[in-house]
Protein backbone atom coordinates (compact mmCIF):
# COMPACT_ATOMS: atom_id res chain seq x y z
CA MET A 1 -3.47 6.59 -4.00
CA THR A 2 -1.42 8.83 -1.76
CA GLY A 3 2.48 8.81 -1.69
CA THR A 4 4.90 8.87 1.39
CA ALA A 5 3.52 11.29 3.84
CA ALA A 6 2.01 8.89 5.79
CA CYS A 7 5.02 6.89 6.37
CA ALA A 8 6.65 9.78 8.37
CA ALA A 9 7.66 9.14 12.09
CA GLU A 10 10.69 11.05 13.41
CA PRO A 11 14.11 11.87 12.01
CA ASP A 12 17.24 9.52 11.40
CA SER A 13 19.55 7.76 13.43
CA GLY A 14 24.21 -0.50 12.21
CA THR A 15 25.24 -6.73 13.23
CA ASP A 16 24.07 -9.72 14.40
CA LYS A 17 22.19 -11.45 16.87
CA TRP A 18 20.58 -14.83 15.80
CA TYR A 19 17.28 -16.01 17.69
CA SER A 20 17.13 -19.88 17.77
CA ALA A 21 13.08 -20.18 18.36
CA ARG A 22 11.22 -22.14 15.48
CA LYS A 23 8.05 -23.56 15.04
CA ALA A 24 7.66 -27.36 15.38
CA SER A 25 5.69 -28.36 12.38
CA ARG A 26 6.89 -26.19 9.49
CA SER A 27 7.76 -27.35 6.02
CA ALA A 28 8.17 -25.27 2.58
CA SER A 29 9.12 -26.60 -0.88
CA SER A 30 11.70 -25.04 -3.07
CA GLY A 31 9.99 -24.98 -6.54
CA PRO A 32 6.67 -25.11 -7.88
CA GLY A 33 6.83 -28.81 -8.82
CA PRO A 34 3.32 -30.76 -8.77
CA ALA A 35 1.28 -30.53 -5.94
CA HIS A 36 -0.24 -33.73 -4.36
CA SER A 37 -3.91 -34.28 -4.96
CA PRO A 38 -5.82 -34.08 -1.73
CA ALA A 39 -7.94 -37.26 -2.58
CA SER A 40 -4.96 -39.21 -3.72
CA GLY A 41 -2.86 -40.41 -0.95
CA GLY A 42 -2.71 -40.61 2.97
CA ALA A 43 -3.95 -38.44 5.95
CA ALA A 44 -0.67 -36.36 5.50
CA GLU A 45 -2.05 -35.23 2.23
CA ARG A 46 -5.56 -34.44 3.32
CA ARG A 47 -4.50 -32.64 6.36
CA GLY A 48 -5.78 -28.90 6.61
CA PHE A 49 -3.75 -25.99 7.78
CA THR A 50 -3.83 -22.42 9.46
CA LEU A 51 -2.19 -19.48 7.81
CA VAL A 52 -1.70 -16.19 9.34
CA ALA A 53 -0.97 -13.00 8.10
CA SER A 54 0.06 -9.84 9.48
CA GLY A 55 0.75 -6.14 8.46
CA ASP A 56 3.28 -3.52 7.37
CA VAL A 57 7.07 -4.01 9.07
CA LEU A 58 8.03 -0.21 8.80
CA PRO A 59 11.10 0.57 10.40
CA HIS A 60 11.11 4.17 11.12
CA SER A 61 14.61 5.70 12.47
CA SER A 62 12.94 5.32 16.06
CA ILE A 63 12.73 1.64 15.23
CA ILE A 64 16.08 1.17 14.17
CA ARG A 65 17.06 2.90 17.31
CA GLN A 66 14.91 0.44 19.42
CA ALA A 67 16.80 -2.44 17.61
CA ARG A 68 19.92 -1.13 18.34
CA ALA A 69 19.31 -0.68 21.90
CA ASP A 70 18.09 -4.18 21.87
CA ALA A 71 21.30 -5.75 20.83
CA ASP A 72 22.95 -4.34 23.62
CA GLY A 73 25.50 -2.94 21.39
CA ASP A 74 26.11 -5.73 19.03
CA GLY A 75 24.32 -4.72 15.91
CA TYR A 76 20.52 -4.90 15.66
CA ASP A 77 18.10 -7.02 17.39
CA PHE A 78 14.70 -6.66 16.24
CA GLY A 79 13.49 -9.73 17.90
CA PRO A 80 12.41 -8.47 21.01
CA MET A 81 9.96 -5.94 19.44
CA LEU A 82 8.05 -8.80 17.66
CA ALA A 83 7.75 -11.37 20.53
CA GLY A 84 4.52 -10.40 21.52
CA ALA A 85 3.35 -11.82 17.85
CA LYS A 86 5.51 -14.85 18.18
CA PRO A 87 2.77 -16.76 20.02
CA VAL A 88 0.01 -16.04 17.44
CA VAL A 89 2.61 -16.32 14.32
CA SER A 90 4.79 -19.45 15.54
CA LYS A 91 1.82 -21.66 16.20
CA ALA A 92 0.22 -21.10 12.76
CA ASP A 93 0.90 -23.98 9.93
CA LEU A 94 2.07 -20.92 7.42
CA ALA A 95 3.02 -17.35 8.27
CA ILE A 96 3.21 -14.41 6.06
CA CYS A 97 4.16 -10.62 6.57
CA HIS A 98 4.44 -7.62 4.73
CA MET A 99 8.16 -6.25 4.45
CA GLU A 100 7.46 -2.80 3.19
CA THR A 101 11.00 -1.53 2.96
CA VAL A 102 14.33 -2.73 1.49
CA TYR A 103 17.44 -3.02 3.21
CA GLY A 104 20.59 -0.94 3.36
CA ALA A 105 24.31 -2.13 3.52
CA LYS A 106 27.28 -1.74 5.86
CA GLY A 107 25.39 0.99 8.35
CA ASP A 108 23.78 2.83 5.63
CA TYR A 109 20.44 2.79 7.11
CA SER A 110 17.55 5.30 7.28
CA GLY A 111 13.80 6.15 7.95
CA TYR A 112 11.60 8.11 6.18
CA PRO A 113 11.26 9.48 3.47
CA ASP A 114 13.67 6.74 1.70
CA PHE A 115 13.71 3.80 3.76
CA LYS A 116 16.82 1.49 3.93
CA SER A 117 16.28 -0.96 7.10
CA PRO A 118 18.91 -3.10 8.56
CA PRO A 119 19.20 -6.53 7.28
CA GLN A 120 18.70 -8.06 10.57
CA VAL A 121 15.10 -7.86 10.41
CA ALA A 122 14.84 -10.64 7.90
CA ARG A 123 16.44 -13.08 10.76
CA ALA A 124 14.08 -11.56 13.45
CA LEU A 125 11.18 -12.17 11.05
CA ARG A 126 12.25 -15.82 10.56
CA ALA A 127 12.97 -16.59 14.36
CA THR A 128 8.99 -15.05 14.81
CA GLY A 129 7.71 -17.63 12.63
CA TYR A 130 7.29 -16.15 9.45
CA ASP A 131 7.62 -18.41 6.13
CA SER A 132 7.15 -15.80 3.35
CA CYS A 133 6.87 -12.18 2.92
CA SER A 134 5.49 -9.61 0.48
CA THR A 135 8.07 -7.29 -0.76
CA ALA A 136 5.83 -5.21 -3.39
CA SER A 137 5.49 -1.46 -1.57
CA ASN A 138 5.23 1.99 -2.39
CA HIS A 139 8.72 1.95 -0.99
CA THR A 140 10.39 -0.98 -3.05
CA LEU A 141 12.55 1.11 -5.07
CA ASP A 142 13.44 3.58 -2.42
CA ASP A 143 17.03 2.41 -3.05
CA GLY A 144 16.60 1.13 -6.68
CA ALA A 145 17.46 -2.37 -7.83
CA ALA A 146 20.56 -2.57 -5.44
CA GLY A 147 18.31 -2.22 -2.39
CA VAL A 148 15.83 -5.05 -3.86
CA ARG A 149 18.70 -7.29 -4.25
CA ARG A 150 19.78 -6.81 -1.17
CA THR A 151 16.51 -7.46 0.92
CA LEU A 152 15.85 -10.66 -1.58
CA ASP A 153 19.66 -12.00 -0.51
CA ALA A 154 18.70 -11.05 3.22
CA LEU A 155 15.38 -12.73 3.28
CA ASP A 156 17.04 -15.72 1.29
CA LYS A 157 19.73 -15.95 3.84
CA ALA A 158 17.27 -16.08 6.82
CA GLY A 159 15.05 -18.86 4.85
CA VAL A 160 12.05 -16.43 4.60
CA LYS A 161 10.40 -16.86 0.76
CA HIS A 162 9.33 -13.62 -0.94
CA ALA A 163 7.19 -12.23 -3.29
CA GLY A 164 6.42 -9.19 -5.18
CA SER A 165 9.95 -8.10 -6.07
CA ALA A 166 12.68 -9.73 -8.05
CA ARG A 167 16.33 -9.70 -9.08
CA SER A 168 15.74 -11.24 -12.66
CA ALA A 169 12.79 -11.93 -14.86
CA ALA A 170 13.06 -15.62 -14.14
CA GLU A 171 12.36 -14.87 -10.29
CA ASP A 172 9.38 -12.45 -11.25
CA ARG A 173 7.43 -15.48 -13.04
CA ARG A 174 7.83 -17.30 -9.64
CA PRO A 175 5.35 -16.97 -7.11
CA ALA A 176 6.64 -17.69 -3.42
CA TRP A 177 6.23 -21.48 -3.60
CA LEU A 178 5.27 -22.65 0.21
CA ARG A 179 3.66 -25.93 1.60
CA ALA A 180 1.37 -26.16 4.71
CA GLY A 181 -0.21 -29.25 6.03
CA GLY A 182 -1.31 -31.11 2.76
CA ALA A 183 -1.41 -28.15 0.32
CA LYS A 184 0.88 -26.72 -1.77
CA VAL A 185 0.35 -22.74 -1.44
CA ALA A 186 1.22 -19.94 -4.00
CA GLN A 187 1.79 -16.43 -2.74
CA LEU A 188 1.74 -13.46 -5.13
CA ALA A 189 2.08 -9.74 -4.14
CA TYR A 190 1.39 -6.61 -6.02
CA THR A 191 1.65 -2.66 -5.07
CA TYR A 192 -0.19 0.17 -6.66
CA GLY A 193 2.89 2.32 -7.29
CA THR A 194 6.25 3.04 -6.30
CA ASN A 195 6.06 6.82 -5.15
CA GLY A 196 7.34 7.91 -8.48
CA TYR A 197 10.27 6.19 -8.35
CA PRO A 198 10.75 4.39 -12.06
CA MET A 199 11.59 0.89 -12.89
CA PRO A 200 15.50 0.39 -12.79
CA LYS A 201 16.58 0.55 -16.50
CA GLY A 202 16.30 -2.78 -18.30
CA LYS A 203 14.43 -4.41 -15.74
CA PRO A 204 10.75 -3.87 -15.79
CA TRP A 205 10.01 -6.58 -13.48
CA THR A 206 11.61 -5.36 -10.52
CA VAL A 207 8.63 -4.90 -8.62
CA ASP A 208 5.00 -6.23 -9.62
CA LEU A 209 2.21 -3.33 -9.84
CA ILE A 210 -1.43 -3.91 -9.55
CA ASP A 211 -2.74 -4.82 -12.97
CA ARG A 212 -6.02 -6.90 -12.79
CA GLU A 213 -5.49 -9.06 -15.83
CA LYS A 214 -1.81 -9.71 -14.78
CA ILE A 215 -3.03 -11.04 -11.06
CA VAL A 216 -5.51 -13.29 -12.76
CA ALA A 217 -2.75 -14.69 -15.08
CA ASP A 218 -0.36 -15.00 -12.47
CA ALA A 219 -2.83 -16.85 -10.19
CA ARG A 220 -3.93 -19.20 -13.14
CA ALA A 221 -0.23 -19.88 -13.96
CA ALA A 222 0.42 -20.96 -10.05
CA ARG A 223 -2.60 -23.07 -10.27
CA LYS A 224 -1.67 -24.70 -13.41
CA ALA A 225 1.69 -25.10 -11.70
CA GLY A 226 0.05 -27.18 -8.68
CA ALA A 227 -1.10 -24.52 -6.52
CA ASP A 228 -3.94 -25.97 -4.08
CA VAL A 229 -4.10 -22.19 -2.68
CA VAL A 230 -3.26 -18.89 -4.34
CA VAL A 231 -2.87 -15.99 -1.68
CA VAL A 232 -2.73 -12.73 -3.27
CA SER A 233 -1.05 -9.66 -1.03
CA LEU A 234 -2.18 -6.61 -2.30
CA HIS A 235 -0.54 -2.90 -1.02
CA TRP A 236 -3.64 -0.78 -1.90
CA GLY A 237 -5.86 1.59 -0.55
CA THR A 238 -5.96 5.38 0.67
CA GLU A 239 -3.78 5.96 3.85
CA TRP A 240 -5.59 6.66 7.04
CA GLN A 241 -8.86 5.66 5.45
CA THR A 242 -10.58 3.25 7.76
CA ALA A 243 -13.08 2.30 5.12
CA PRO A 244 -11.83 0.65 1.86
CA ASP A 245 -11.59 2.95 -1.16
CA ARG A 246 -13.72 2.55 -4.46
CA ARG A 247 -10.69 0.80 -5.99
CA GLN A 248 -10.26 -1.68 -3.22
CA LEU A 249 -13.99 -2.58 -3.43
CA ARG A 250 -13.79 -2.66 -7.21
CA LEU A 251 -11.04 -4.80 -7.66
CA GLY A 252 -11.47 -7.32 -4.74
CA LYS A 253 -14.83 -8.09 -6.49
CA GLN A 254 -13.41 -8.38 -9.73
CA LEU A 255 -10.55 -10.55 -8.41
CA THR A 256 -12.71 -12.87 -6.19
CA GLY A 257 -15.21 -13.51 -8.80
CA SER A 258 -12.71 -14.50 -11.32
CA ARG A 259 -12.83 -18.29 -12.12
CA LYS A 260 -11.72 -21.17 -14.35
CA LYS A 261 -13.60 -23.98 -15.04
CA GLY A 262 -15.76 -22.96 -11.69
CA ARG A 263 -13.12 -22.85 -9.43
CA PRO A 264 -11.96 -19.36 -7.90
CA ASP A 265 -8.54 -18.38 -9.27
CA ILE A 266 -7.84 -16.74 -5.91
CA ASP A 267 -8.52 -18.13 -2.43
CA LEU A 268 -7.63 -15.27 -0.24
CA ILE A 269 -6.60 -11.64 -0.59
CA ILE A 270 -4.76 -9.75 2.28
CA GLY A 271 -4.16 -6.02 2.03
CA THR A 272 -1.57 -3.59 3.39
CA HIS A 273 -0.60 -0.02 3.17
CA ALA A 274 -3.38 2.11 4.69
CA HIS A 275 -1.20 2.39 7.93
CA VAL A 276 -4.86 1.67 9.92
CA PRO A 277 -6.68 -1.55 10.48
CA GLN A 278 -9.31 -1.93 7.92
CA ALA A 279 -12.25 -4.15 7.06
CA TYR A 280 -12.37 -7.91 6.64
CA GLU A 281 -15.04 -9.08 4.25
CA LYS A 282 -15.96 -12.34 2.47
CA VAL A 283 -16.78 -11.31 -1.27
CA ASN A 284 -18.08 -13.90 -3.75
CA GLY A 285 -17.01 -16.54 -1.62
CA THR A 286 -13.48 -15.32 -0.91
CA TRP A 287 -11.90 -13.57 2.35
CA ILE A 288 -10.53 -10.14 1.78
CA ILE A 289 -8.34 -8.15 4.38
CA TYR A 290 -8.53 -4.58 3.03
CA GLY A 291 -5.96 -3.53 5.23
CA MET A 292 -4.19 -5.08 8.30
CA GLY A 293 -2.39 -1.74 9.36
CA ASP A 294 1.17 -1.03 10.42
CA GLN A 295 2.53 -4.12 12.49
CA ILE A 296 5.86 -2.08 13.31
CA ALA A 297 5.96 1.51 12.85
CA GLY A 298 7.41 4.73 14.74
CA SER A 299 4.95 6.81 16.17
CA MET A 300 2.83 8.09 13.21
CA ILE A 301 2.08 11.59 11.73
CA ASN A 302 -1.14 11.89 9.27
CA HIS A 303 -1.44 13.97 6.63
CA ASP A 304 -3.03 17.01 8.61
CA GLY A 305 0.62 16.80 10.25
CA ASP A 306 -0.76 15.35 13.64
CA HIS A 307 0.11 12.37 15.73
CA ASP A 308 -2.26 9.74 14.93
CA PRO A 309 -2.31 6.78 17.29
CA ARG A 310 -4.17 4.56 14.58
CA GLY A 311 -1.00 3.92 12.77
CA ASN A 312 0.18 1.95 15.66
CA GLN A 313 -3.16 -0.42 15.53
CA ASN A 314 -3.35 -3.42 13.66
CA SER A 315 -4.79 -7.01 13.23
CA ILE A 316 -3.17 -10.64 12.20
CA GLY A 317 -5.64 -12.32 10.17
CA ARG A 318 -5.85 -16.12 10.77
CA PHE A 319 -7.55 -18.44 8.41
CA THR A 320 -8.04 -22.55 8.81
CA PHE A 321 -8.42 -24.37 5.54
CA ALA A 322 -10.00 -27.53 5.28
CA PRO A 323 -8.88 -29.84 2.20
CA PRO A 324 -11.67 -30.47 -0.62
CA ALA A 325 -13.93 -33.55 -0.19
CA THR A 326 -12.91 -34.60 -3.86
CA PRO A 327 -9.90 -34.28 -5.94
CA GLY A 328 -9.42 -30.85 -7.62
CA GLY A 329 -11.90 -29.19 -5.34
CA ARG A 330 -11.45 -25.92 -3.38
CA TRP A 331 -9.76 -26.06 -0.42
CA LYS A 332 -12.08 -23.72 1.69
CA VAL A 333 -11.63 -21.55 4.74
CA ARG A 334 -13.60 -23.26 7.58
CA LYS A 335 -12.46 -20.88 10.41
CA ALA A 336 -11.91 -17.05 9.64
CA GLU A 337 -10.36 -15.32 12.80
CA PHE A 338 -8.68 -11.88 13.53
CA VAL A 339 -6.50 -10.83 16.24
CA PRO A 340 -6.02 -7.13 17.50
CA MET A 341 -2.91 -6.16 17.59
CA TRP A 342 -0.73 -2.80 18.87
CA PHE A 343 2.56 -1.72 18.68
CA ASP A 344 3.56 0.27 21.59
CA THR A 345 5.79 2.90 20.53
CA GLY A 346 6.90 3.87 23.83
CA GLU A 347 8.21 0.56 25.00
CA GLY A 348 9.03 -0.58 21.34
CA ARG A 349 7.24 -3.61 21.31
CA VAL A 350 4.27 -5.49 19.47
CA VAL A 351 1.24 -6.10 21.67
CA ASN A 352 -1.52 -8.69 21.34
CA LEU A 353 -4.62 -6.75 22.92
CA ASN A 354 -6.46 -9.77 24.10
CA ALA A 355 -3.18 -11.44 26.11
CA ALA A 356 -2.66 -7.76 27.54
CA LEU A 357 -6.16 -7.60 28.52
CA ARG A 358 -5.92 -10.92 30.35
CA ARG A 359 -3.22 -9.42 32.13
CA GLY A 360 -5.00 -6.43 33.35
CA ALA A 361 -3.71 -3.73 30.85
CA ASP A 362 -5.99 -0.67 30.28
CA VAL A 363 -6.25 -1.66 26.57
CA ARG A 364 -9.75 -2.54 25.82
CA GLU A 365 -10.85 0.85 24.12
CA VAL A 366 -8.14 0.20 21.43
CA ARG A 367 -9.07 -3.56 21.42
CA ASP A 368 -12.65 -2.53 20.69
CA ARG A 369 -12.11 0.22 18.03
CA ILE A 370 -9.96 -2.18 15.85
CA ARG A 371 -12.75 -4.77 16.38
CA ARG A 372 -15.31 -2.22 15.46
CA VAL A 373 -13.05 -1.55 12.10
CA VAL A 374 -12.18 -5.02 11.07
CA LEU A 375 -16.23 -5.99 11.31
CA SER A 376 -17.61 -3.07 9.95
CA ARG A 377 -18.75 -4.57 6.72
CA GLY A 378 -20.88 -7.56 7.92
CA ALA A 379 -17.90 -9.93 8.13
CA ALA A 380 -19.42 -11.57 11.55
CA GLU A 381 -22.40 -12.74 9.89
CA ASP A 382 -20.17 -14.66 7.75
CA GLY A 383 -18.25 -16.21 10.64
CA LEU A 384 -15.14 -14.14 11.34
CA VAL A 385 -14.44 -14.07 14.71
CA MET A 386 -11.99 -12.52 17.10
CA GLY A 387 -9.10 -14.81 18.11
CA ARG A 388 -6.77 -15.07 21.31
């Protein structure tokens, strides 16, 4: 796995504007509690749901400057940047993002290489429609335990759940518990490493590292605690490589093949880190997104020192889950979609490429490139389609 080099953008450059929009149908439980059996109650308990997942939120210095400009002198406003994703995100029953960086304090904000982002990004994520974010990445320890605490405090205040980093051992043992349709959903998150930063002294639980046995054990614990659907977020892969690497393929096959009493332990794997879009694939009957790419990032520089436009291309995955026909059965994905996206660094805005094409924008080549990568491992044959 590679380190920080590909997270580079431009050099460095602090409060509050709240946004009012929220999706109409939304609910999230506050703790594990027993889940309702999908066959034990009324229609509400049997409803399916849609889940969307998007890629890395990586505020380089240029992104911080853009948020300051969009706030018109009143702190930082990340809402306009994310507005292009809102129609897709806000319509889903459950939406998951990846918050790659930690938050700074009192104007102490920075981009690459040690990121400290304005905490106002958490409010923008909530207003866009996100319910939960994975927070395990190679940048989780950029500002030690204090950075993790500030980040999770800000997400809590904004009403966004989180998985992958923790302020206590007890918190580390809990997944992000979410409710969607008639299902109890548990999100777990892990990263391949922390750019060489050690775990804070006496706090080995601060960020969850990828370990196959731990992931399976955590998934089974979540299932035992009542999870109908277990979603695993993985910060993995090789930066700037569109094809999943051997470790991704091996671990993906192992995790999707893990079962207890015939039922898969994990129902969906969503990947981040590579900075470029990667393929979707159905493995052992379970969907894997190897990498969604960066949802928000500055103008990206690859390992050769060259500007690489692929670093601002990404996809949003959308999965429609249907309840089981019998109690204790698996919630299955009955429809799998991807939505090709792009971050326009010139305007500082997330762009839905299909929506832009309908408006007459000249983005077909970028859209089609993302589609080729996403479908490169035969996902179309398993029913993956491009959504709007």
